[in-house]
Amino acid sequence: MSELAVILLVVVVVLGIRKLPELTRSAGRAARIFKSGSRALKDQSATDDAAGPGRVVRGTVVDGEAPRPRR
């Protein structure tokens, strides 16, 4: 635990006392942006799941051997 305190003290001295509030503010903003983004993704996936199956895309299966004639 004492090593962590020494490292924290060095970081405070290096960044300076004036920069510390700005650093914590920007870290808080980043955390809020991350939370809102993850919440939006959860909401989007919940609405996608509630909407049922997605749209159906029809296609042909290609086995990779001889090309099949088009109809």
PDB file of N, CA and C in Angstrom:
ATOM      1  N   MET A   1       0.822  -1.194   0.000  1.00  0.00           N
ATOM      2  CA  MET A   1       0.000   0.000   0.000  1.00  0.00           C
ATOM      3  C   MET A   1       0.861   1.251   0.000  1.00  0.00           C
ATOM      4  N   SER A   2       2.005   1.196   0.646  1.00  0.00           N
ATOM      5  CA  SER A   2       2.870   2.376   0.714  1.00  0.00           C
ATOM      6  C   SER A   2       3.455   2.713  -0.660  1.00  0.00           C
ATOM      7  N   GLU A   3       3.699   1.679  -1.492  1.00  0.00           N
ATOM      8  CA  GLU A   3       4.210   1.940  -2.841  1.00  0.00           C
ATOM      9  C   GLU A   3       3.183   2.704  -3.668  1.00  0.00           C
ATOM     10  N   LEU A   4       1.909   2.348  -3.491  1.00  0.00           N
ATOM     11  CA  LEU A   4       0.841   3.030  -4.207  1.00  0.00           C
ATOM     12  C   LEU A   4       0.755   4.494  -3.794  1.00  0.00           C
ATOM     13  N   ALA A   5       0.930   4.775  -2.519  1.00  0.00           N
ATOM     14  CA  ALA A   5       0.905   6.154  -2.030  1.00  0.00           C
ATOM     15  C   ALA A   5       2.067   6.952  -2.599  1.00  0.00           C
ATOM     16  N   VAL A   6       3.232   6.354  -2.680  1.00  0.00           N
ATOM     17  CA  VAL A   6       4.401   7.037  -3.241  1.00  0.00           C
ATOM     18  C   VAL A   6       4.185   7.325  -4.719  1.00  0.00           C
ATOM     19  N   ILE A   7       3.648   6.356  -5.448  1.00  0.00           N
ATOM     20  CA  ILE A   7       3.374   6.557  -6.875  1.00  0.00           C
ATOM     21  C   ILE A   7       2.355   7.664  -7.066  1.00  0.00           C
ATOM     22  N   LEU A   8       1.302   7.692  -6.255  1.00  0.00           N
ATOM     23  CA  LEU A   8       0.290   8.741  -6.336  1.00  0.00           C
ATOM     24  C   LEU A   8       0.890  10.112  -6.037  1.00  0.00           C
ATOM     25  N   LEU A   9       1.766  10.186  -5.056  1.00  0.00           N
ATOM     26  CA  LEU A   9       2.422  11.442  -4.711  1.00  0.00           C
ATOM     27  C   LEU A   9       3.289  11.934  -5.861  1.00  0.00           C
ATOM     28  N   VAL A  10       4.006  11.034  -6.505  1.00  0.00           N
ATOM     29  CA  VAL A  10       4.846  11.408  -7.644  1.00  0.00           C
ATOM     30  C   VAL A  10       3.976  11.921  -8.793  1.00  0.00           C
ATOM     31  N   VAL A  11       2.856  11.271  -9.039  1.00  0.00           N
ATOM     32  CA  VAL A  11       1.954  11.706 -10.108  1.00  0.00           C
ATOM     33  C   VAL A  11       1.424  13.103  -9.817  1.00  0.00           C
ATOM     34  N   VAL A  12       1.050  13.379  -8.581  1.00  0.00           N
ATOM     35  CA  VAL A  12       0.536  14.698  -8.205  1.00  0.00           C
ATOM     36  C   VAL A  12       1.616  15.757  -8.398  1.00  0.00           C
ATOM     37  N   VAL A  13       2.841  15.448  -8.012  1.00  0.00           N
ATOM     38  CA  VAL A  13       3.925  16.410  -8.152  1.00  0.00           C
ATOM     39  C   VAL A  13       4.231  16.658  -9.626  1.00  0.00           C
ATOM     40  N   VAL A  14       4.229  15.586 -10.422  1.00  0.00           N
ATOM     41  CA  VAL A  14       4.552  15.734 -11.842  1.00  0.00           C
ATOM     42  C   VAL A  14       3.460  16.517 -12.567  1.00  0.00           C
ATOM     43  N   LEU A  15       2.220  16.182 -12.318  1.00  0.00           N
ATOM     44  CA  LEU A  15       1.130  16.879 -13.008  1.00  0.00           C
ATOM     45  C   LEU A  15       0.911  18.282 -12.471  1.00  0.00           C
ATOM     46  N   GLY A  16       1.246  18.488 -11.254  1.00  0.00           N
ATOM     47  CA  GLY A  16       1.061  19.803 -10.653  1.00  0.00           C
ATOM     48  C   GLY A  16      -0.303  19.901 -10.010  1.00  0.00           C
ATOM     49  N   ILE A  17      -0.365  20.710  -8.988  1.00  0.00           N
ATOM     50  CA  ILE A  17      -1.601  20.870  -8.236  1.00  0.00           C
ATOM     51  C   ILE A  17      -2.676  21.536  -9.098  1.00  0.00           C
ATOM     52  N   ARG A  18      -2.284  22.452  -9.978  1.00  0.00           N
ATOM     53  CA  ARG A  18      -3.274  23.162 -10.804  1.00  0.00           C
ATOM     54  C   ARG A  18      -3.928  22.256 -11.843  1.00  0.00           C
ATOM     55  N   LYS A  19      -3.240  21.253 -12.313  1.00  0.00           N
ATOM     56  CA  LYS A  19      -3.774  20.365 -13.355  1.00  0.00           C
ATOM     57  C   LYS A  19      -4.675  19.270 -12.797  1.00  0.00           C
ATOM     58  N   LEU A  20      -4.592  18.990 -11.508  1.00  0.00           N
ATOM     59  CA  LEU A  20      -5.329  17.886 -10.924  1.00  0.00           C
ATOM     60  C   LEU A  20      -6.849  18.041 -11.039  1.00  0.00           C
ATOM     61  N   PRO A  21      -7.456  19.199 -10.735  1.00  0.00           N
ATOM     62  CA  PRO A  21      -8.908  19.333 -10.905  1.00  0.00           C
ATOM     63  C   PRO A  21      -9.360  19.155 -12.357  1.00  0.00           C
ATOM     64  N   GLU A  22      -8.566  19.667 -13.282  1.00  0.00           N
ATOM     65  CA  GLU A  22      -8.895  19.512 -14.703  1.00  0.00           C
ATOM     66  C   GLU A  22      -8.841  18.042 -15.111  1.00  0.00           C
ATOM     67  N   LEU A  23      -7.869  17.323 -14.586  1.00  0.00           N
ATOM     68  CA  LEU A  23      -7.727  15.906 -14.896  1.00  0.00           C
ATOM     69  C   LEU A  23      -8.905  15.098 -14.357  1.00  0.00           C
ATOM     70  N   THR A  24      -9.319  15.389 -13.130  1.00  0.00           N
ATOM     71  CA  THR A  24     -10.450  14.656 -12.563  1.00  0.00           C
ATOM     72  C   THR A  24     -11.751  15.001 -13.276  1.00  0.00           C
ATOM     73  N   ARG A  25     -11.910  16.265 -13.692  1.00  0.00           N
ATOM     74  CA  ARG A  25     -13.106  16.651 -14.441  1.00  0.00           C
ATOM     75  C   ARG A  25     -13.189  15.914 -15.773  1.00  0.00           C
ATOM     76  N   SER A  26     -12.076  15.855 -16.480  1.00  0.00           N
ATOM     77  CA  SER A  26     -12.092  15.176 -17.778  1.00  0.00           C
ATOM     78  C   SER A  26     -12.290  13.671 -17.608  1.00  0.00           C
ATOM     79  N   ALA A  27     -11.775  13.097 -16.533  1.00  0.00           N
ATOM     80  CA  ALA A  27     -12.000  11.675 -16.270  1.00  0.00           C
ATOM     81  C   ALA A  27     -13.477  11.421 -15.973  1.00  0.00           C
ATOM     82  N   GLY A  28     -14.117  12.322 -15.235  1.00  0.00           N
ATOM     83  CA  GLY A  28     -15.546  12.198 -14.954  1.00  0.00           C
ATOM     84  C   GLY A  28     -16.385  12.310 -16.207  1.00  0.00           C
ATOM     85  N   ARG A  29     -16.027  13.249 -17.083  1.00  0.00           N
ATOM     86  CA  ARG A  29     -16.745  13.395 -18.360  1.00  0.00           C
ATOM     87  C   ARG A  29     -16.611  12.138 -19.203  1.00  0.00           C
ATOM     88  N   ALA A  30     -15.391  11.602 -19.262  1.00  0.00           N
ATOM     89  CA  ALA A  30     -15.161  10.394 -20.054  1.00  0.00           C
ATOM     90  C   ALA A  30     -15.976   9.228 -19.505  1.00  0.00           C
ATOM     91  N   ALA A  31     -16.059   9.126 -18.187  1.00  0.00           N
ATOM     92  CA  ALA A  31     -16.842   8.044 -17.583  1.00  0.00           C
ATOM     93  C   ALA A  31     -18.326   8.212 -17.909  1.00  0.00           C
ATOM     94  N   ARG A  32     -18.834   9.458 -17.864  1.00  0.00           N
ATOM     95  CA  ARG A  32     -20.241   9.689 -18.193  1.00  0.00           C
ATOM     96  C   ARG A  32     -20.536   9.367 -19.654  1.00  0.00           C
ATOM     97  N   ILE A  33     -19.635   9.753 -20.549  1.00  0.00           N
ATOM     98  CA  ILE A  33     -19.812   9.461 -21.972  1.00  0.00           C
ATOM     99  C   ILE A  33     -19.809   7.956 -22.200  1.00  0.00           C
ATOM    100  N   PHE A  34     -18.902   7.249 -21.541  1.00  0.00           N
ATOM    101  CA  PHE A  34     -18.831   5.798 -21.678  1.00  0.00           C
ATOM    102  C   PHE A  34     -20.103   5.139 -21.178  1.00  0.00           C
ATOM    103  N   LYS A  35     -20.601   5.597 -20.023  1.00  0.00           N
ATOM    104  CA  LYS A  35     -21.830   5.032 -19.472  1.00  0.00           C
ATOM    105  C   LYS A  35     -23.013   5.259 -20.401  1.00  0.00           C
ATOM    106  N   SER A  36     -23.140   6.487 -20.918  1.00  0.00           N
ATOM    107  CA  SER A  36     -24.282   6.769 -21.789  1.00  0.00           C
ATOM    108  C   SER A  36     -24.188   5.979 -23.088  1.00  0.00           C
ATOM    109  N   GLY A  37     -22.981   5.793 -23.597  1.00  0.00           N
ATOM    110  CA  GLY A  37     -22.810   4.996 -24.809  1.00  0.00           C
ATOM    111  C   GLY A  37     -23.168   3.542 -24.595  1.00  0.00           C
ATOM    112  N   SER A  38     -22.734   2.983 -23.479  1.00  0.00           N
ATOM    113  CA  SER A  38     -23.053   1.575 -23.210  1.00  0.00           C
ATOM    114  C   SER A  38     -24.544   1.409 -22.926  1.00  0.00           C
ATOM    115  N   ARG A  39     -25.159   2.408 -22.269  1.00  0.00           N
ATOM    116  CA  ARG A  39     -26.600   2.355 -22.024  1.00  0.00           C
ATOM    117  C   ARG A  39     -27.368   2.413 -23.346  1.00  0.00           C
ATOM    118  N   ALA A  40     -26.896   3.247 -24.278  1.00  0.00           N
ATOM    119  CA  ALA A  40     -27.555   3.350 -25.584  1.00  0.00           C
ATOM    120  C   ALA A  40     -27.443   2.039 -26.350  1.00  0.00           C
ATOM    121  N   LEU A  41     -26.287   1.384 -26.272  1.00  0.00           N
ATOM    122  CA  LEU A  41     -26.128   0.101 -26.952  1.00  0.00           C
ATOM    123  C   LEU A  41     -27.042  -0.960 -26.358  1.00  0.00           C
ATOM    124  N   LYS A  42     -27.180  -0.968 -25.027  1.00  0.00           N
ATOM    125  CA  LYS A  42     -28.083  -1.924 -24.391  1.00  0.00           C
ATOM    126  C   LYS A  42     -29.521  -1.674 -24.804  1.00  0.00           C
ATOM    127  N   ASP A  43     -29.917  -0.397 -24.829  1.00  0.00           N
ATOM    128  CA  ASP A  43     -31.279  -0.055 -25.235  1.00  0.00           C
ATOM    129  C   ASP A  43     -31.539  -0.461 -26.682  1.00  0.00           C
ATOM    130  N   GLN A  44     -30.548  -0.233 -27.542  1.00  0.00           N
ATOM    131  CA  GLN A  44     -30.700  -0.579 -28.956  1.00  0.00           C
ATOM    132  C   GLN A  44     -30.826  -2.087 -29.133  1.00  0.00           C
ATOM    133  N   SER A  45     -30.008  -2.852 -28.421  1.00  0.00           N
ATOM    134  CA  SER A  45     -30.094  -4.311 -28.562  1.00  0.00           C
ATOM    135  C   SER A  45     -31.395  -4.832 -27.976  1.00  0.00           C
ATOM    136  N   ALA A  46     -31.906  -4.187 -26.932  1.00  0.00           N
ATOM    137  CA  ALA A  46     -33.183  -4.607 -26.344  1.00  0.00           C
ATOM    138  C   ALA A  46     -34.330  -4.347 -27.320  1.00  0.00           C
ATOM    139  N   THR A  47     -34.307  -3.212 -28.017  1.00  0.00           N
ATOM    140  CA  THR A  47     -35.369  -2.925 -28.987  1.00  0.00           C
ATOM    141  C   THR A  47     -35.235  -3.826 -30.206  1.00  0.00           C
ATOM    142  N   ASP A  48     -34.003  -4.166 -30.587  1.00  0.00           N
ATOM    143  CA  ASP A  48     -33.815  -5.086 -31.709  1.00  0.00           C
ATOM    144  C   ASP A  48     -34.334  -6.476 -31.362  1.00  0.00           C
ATOM    145  N   ASP A  49     -34.100  -6.923 -30.131  1.00  0.00           N
ATOM    146  CA  ASP A  49     -34.586  -8.229 -29.697  1.00  0.00           C
ATOM    147  C   ASP A  49     -36.106  -8.239 -29.597  1.00  0.00           C
ATOM    148  N   ALA A  50     -36.687  -7.145 -29.142  1.00  0.00           N
ATOM    149  CA  ALA A  50     -38.140  -7.066 -28.976  1.00  0.00           C
ATOM    150  C   ALA A  50     -38.856  -6.974 -30.318  1.00  0.00           C
ATOM    151  N   ALA A  51     -38.171  -6.493 -31.330  1.00  0.00           N
ATOM    152  CA  ALA A  51     -38.788  -6.328 -32.643  1.00  0.00           C
ATOM    153  C   ALA A  51     -38.974  -7.669 -33.348  1.00  0.00           C
ATOM    154  N   GLY A  52     -38.366  -8.710 -32.838  1.00  0.00           N
ATOM    155  CA  GLY A  52     -38.486 -10.022 -33.453  1.00  0.00           C
ATOM    156  C   GLY A  52     -37.317 -10.283 -34.380  1.00  0.00           C
ATOM    157  N   PRO A  53     -37.489 -11.271 -35.244  1.00  0.00           N
ATOM    158  CA  PRO A  53     -36.386 -11.586 -36.147  1.00  0.00           C
ATOM    159  C   PRO A  53     -36.151 -10.444 -37.126  1.00  0.00           C
ATOM    160  N   GLY A  54     -34.940 -10.357 -37.579  1.00  0.00           N
ATOM    161  CA  GLY A  54     -34.573  -9.308 -38.526  1.00  0.00           C
ATOM    162  C   GLY A  54     -35.164  -9.573 -39.891  1.00  0.00           C
ATOM    163  N   ARG A  55     -34.829  -8.742 -40.814  1.00  0.00           N
ATOM    164  CA  ARG A  55     -35.364  -8.920 -42.150  1.00  0.00           C
ATOM    165  C   ARG A  55     -34.735 -10.147 -42.803  1.00  0.00           C
ATOM    166  N   VAL A  56     -35.466 -10.760 -43.687  1.00  0.00           N
ATOM    167  CA  VAL A  56     -35.020 -11.974 -44.352  1.00  0.00           C
ATOM    168  C   VAL A  56     -34.360 -11.596 -45.663  1.00  0.00           C
ATOM    169  N   VAL A  57     -33.158 -12.076 -45.860  1.00  0.00           N
ATOM    170  CA  VAL A  57     -32.427 -11.828 -47.098  1.00  0.00           C
ATOM    171  C   VAL A  57     -32.344 -13.145 -47.839  1.00  0.00           C
ATOM    172  N   ARG A  58     -32.952 -13.193 -48.996  1.00  0.00           N
ATOM    173  CA  ARG A  58     -32.945 -14.429 -49.784  1.00  0.00           C
ATOM    174  C   ARG A  58     -31.697 -14.455 -50.656  1.00  0.00           C
ATOM    175  N   GLY A  59     -31.180 -15.649 -50.839  1.00  0.00           N
ATOM    176  CA  GLY A  59     -29.992 -15.801 -51.655  1.00  0.00           C
ATOM    177  C   GLY A  59     -29.872 -17.227 -52.143  1.00  0.00           C
ATOM    178  N   THR A  60     -28.793 -17.513 -52.815  1.00  0.00           N
ATOM    179  CA  THR A  60     -28.552 -18.867 -53.295  1.00  0.00           C
ATOM    180  C   THR A  60     -27.296 -19.403 -52.629  1.00  0.00           C
ATOM    181  N   VAL A  61     -27.278 -20.711 -52.433  1.00  0.00           N
ATOM    182  CA  VAL A  61     -26.125 -21.358 -51.840  1.00  0.00           C
ATOM    183  C   VAL A  61     -25.180 -21.751 -52.960  1.00  0.00           C
ATOM    184  N   VAL A  62     -23.923 -21.385 -52.822  1.00  0.00           N
ATOM    185  CA  VAL A  62     -22.924 -21.692 -53.834  1.00  0.00           C
ATOM    186  C   VAL A  62     -21.971 -22.710 -53.244  1.00  0.00           C
ATOM    187  N   ASP A  63     -21.807 -23.860 -53.923  1.00  0.00           N
ATOM    188  CA  ASP A  63     -20.948 -24.893 -53.381  1.00  0.00           C
ATOM    189  C   ASP A  63     -19.497 -24.760 -53.847  1.00  0.00           C
ATOM    190  N   GLY A  64     -19.203 -23.860 -54.742  1.00  0.00           N
ATOM    191  CA  GLY A  64     -17.834 -23.603 -55.137  1.00  0.00           C
ATOM    192  C   GLY A  64     -17.351 -24.467 -56.282  1.00  0.00           C
ATOM    193  N   GLU A  65     -18.159 -25.370 -56.800  1.00  0.00           N
ATOM    194  CA  GLU A  65     -17.707 -26.205 -57.911  1.00  0.00           C
ATOM    195  C   GLU A  65     -18.108 -25.549 -59.225  1.00  0.00           C
ATOM    196  N   ALA A  66     -18.921 -26.182 -59.995  1.00  0.00           N
ATOM    197  CA  ALA A  66     -19.309 -25.644 -61.300  1.00  0.00           C
ATOM    198  C   ALA A  66     -20.368 -24.555 -61.103  1.00  0.00           C
ATOM    199  N   PRO A  67     -20.269 -23.475 -61.900  1.00  0.00           N
ATOM    200  CA  PRO A  67     -21.301 -22.417 -61.787  1.00  0.00           C
ATOM    201  C   PRO A  67     -22.656 -22.917 -62.266  1.00  0.00           C
ATOM    202  N   ARG A  68     -23.689 -22.518 -61.610  1.00  0.00           N
ATOM    203  CA  ARG A  68     -25.060 -22.921 -61.979  1.00  0.00           C
ATOM    204  C   ARG A  68     -25.636 -21.899 -62.929  1.00  0.00           C
ATOM    205  N   PRO A  69     -26.452 -22.368 -63.862  1.00  0.00           N
ATOM    206  CA  PRO A  69     -27.087 -21.401 -64.787  1.00  0.00           C
ATOM    207  C   PRO A  69     -28.125 -20.564 -64.045  1.00  0.00           C
ATOM    208  N   ARG A  70     -28.252 -19.305 -64.446  1.00  0.00           N
ATOM    209  CA  ARG A  70     -29.228 -18.411 -63.837  1.00  0.00           C
ATOM    210  C   ARG A  70     -30.596 -18.677 -64.398  1.00  0.00           C
ATOM    211  N   ARG A  71     -31.615 -18.485 -63.591  1.00  0.00           N
ATOM    212  CA  ARG A  71     -32.993 -18.706 -64.053  1.00  0.00           C
ATOM    213  C   ARG A  71     -33.614 -17.434 -64.495  1.00  0.00           C
TER     214      ARG A  71
END
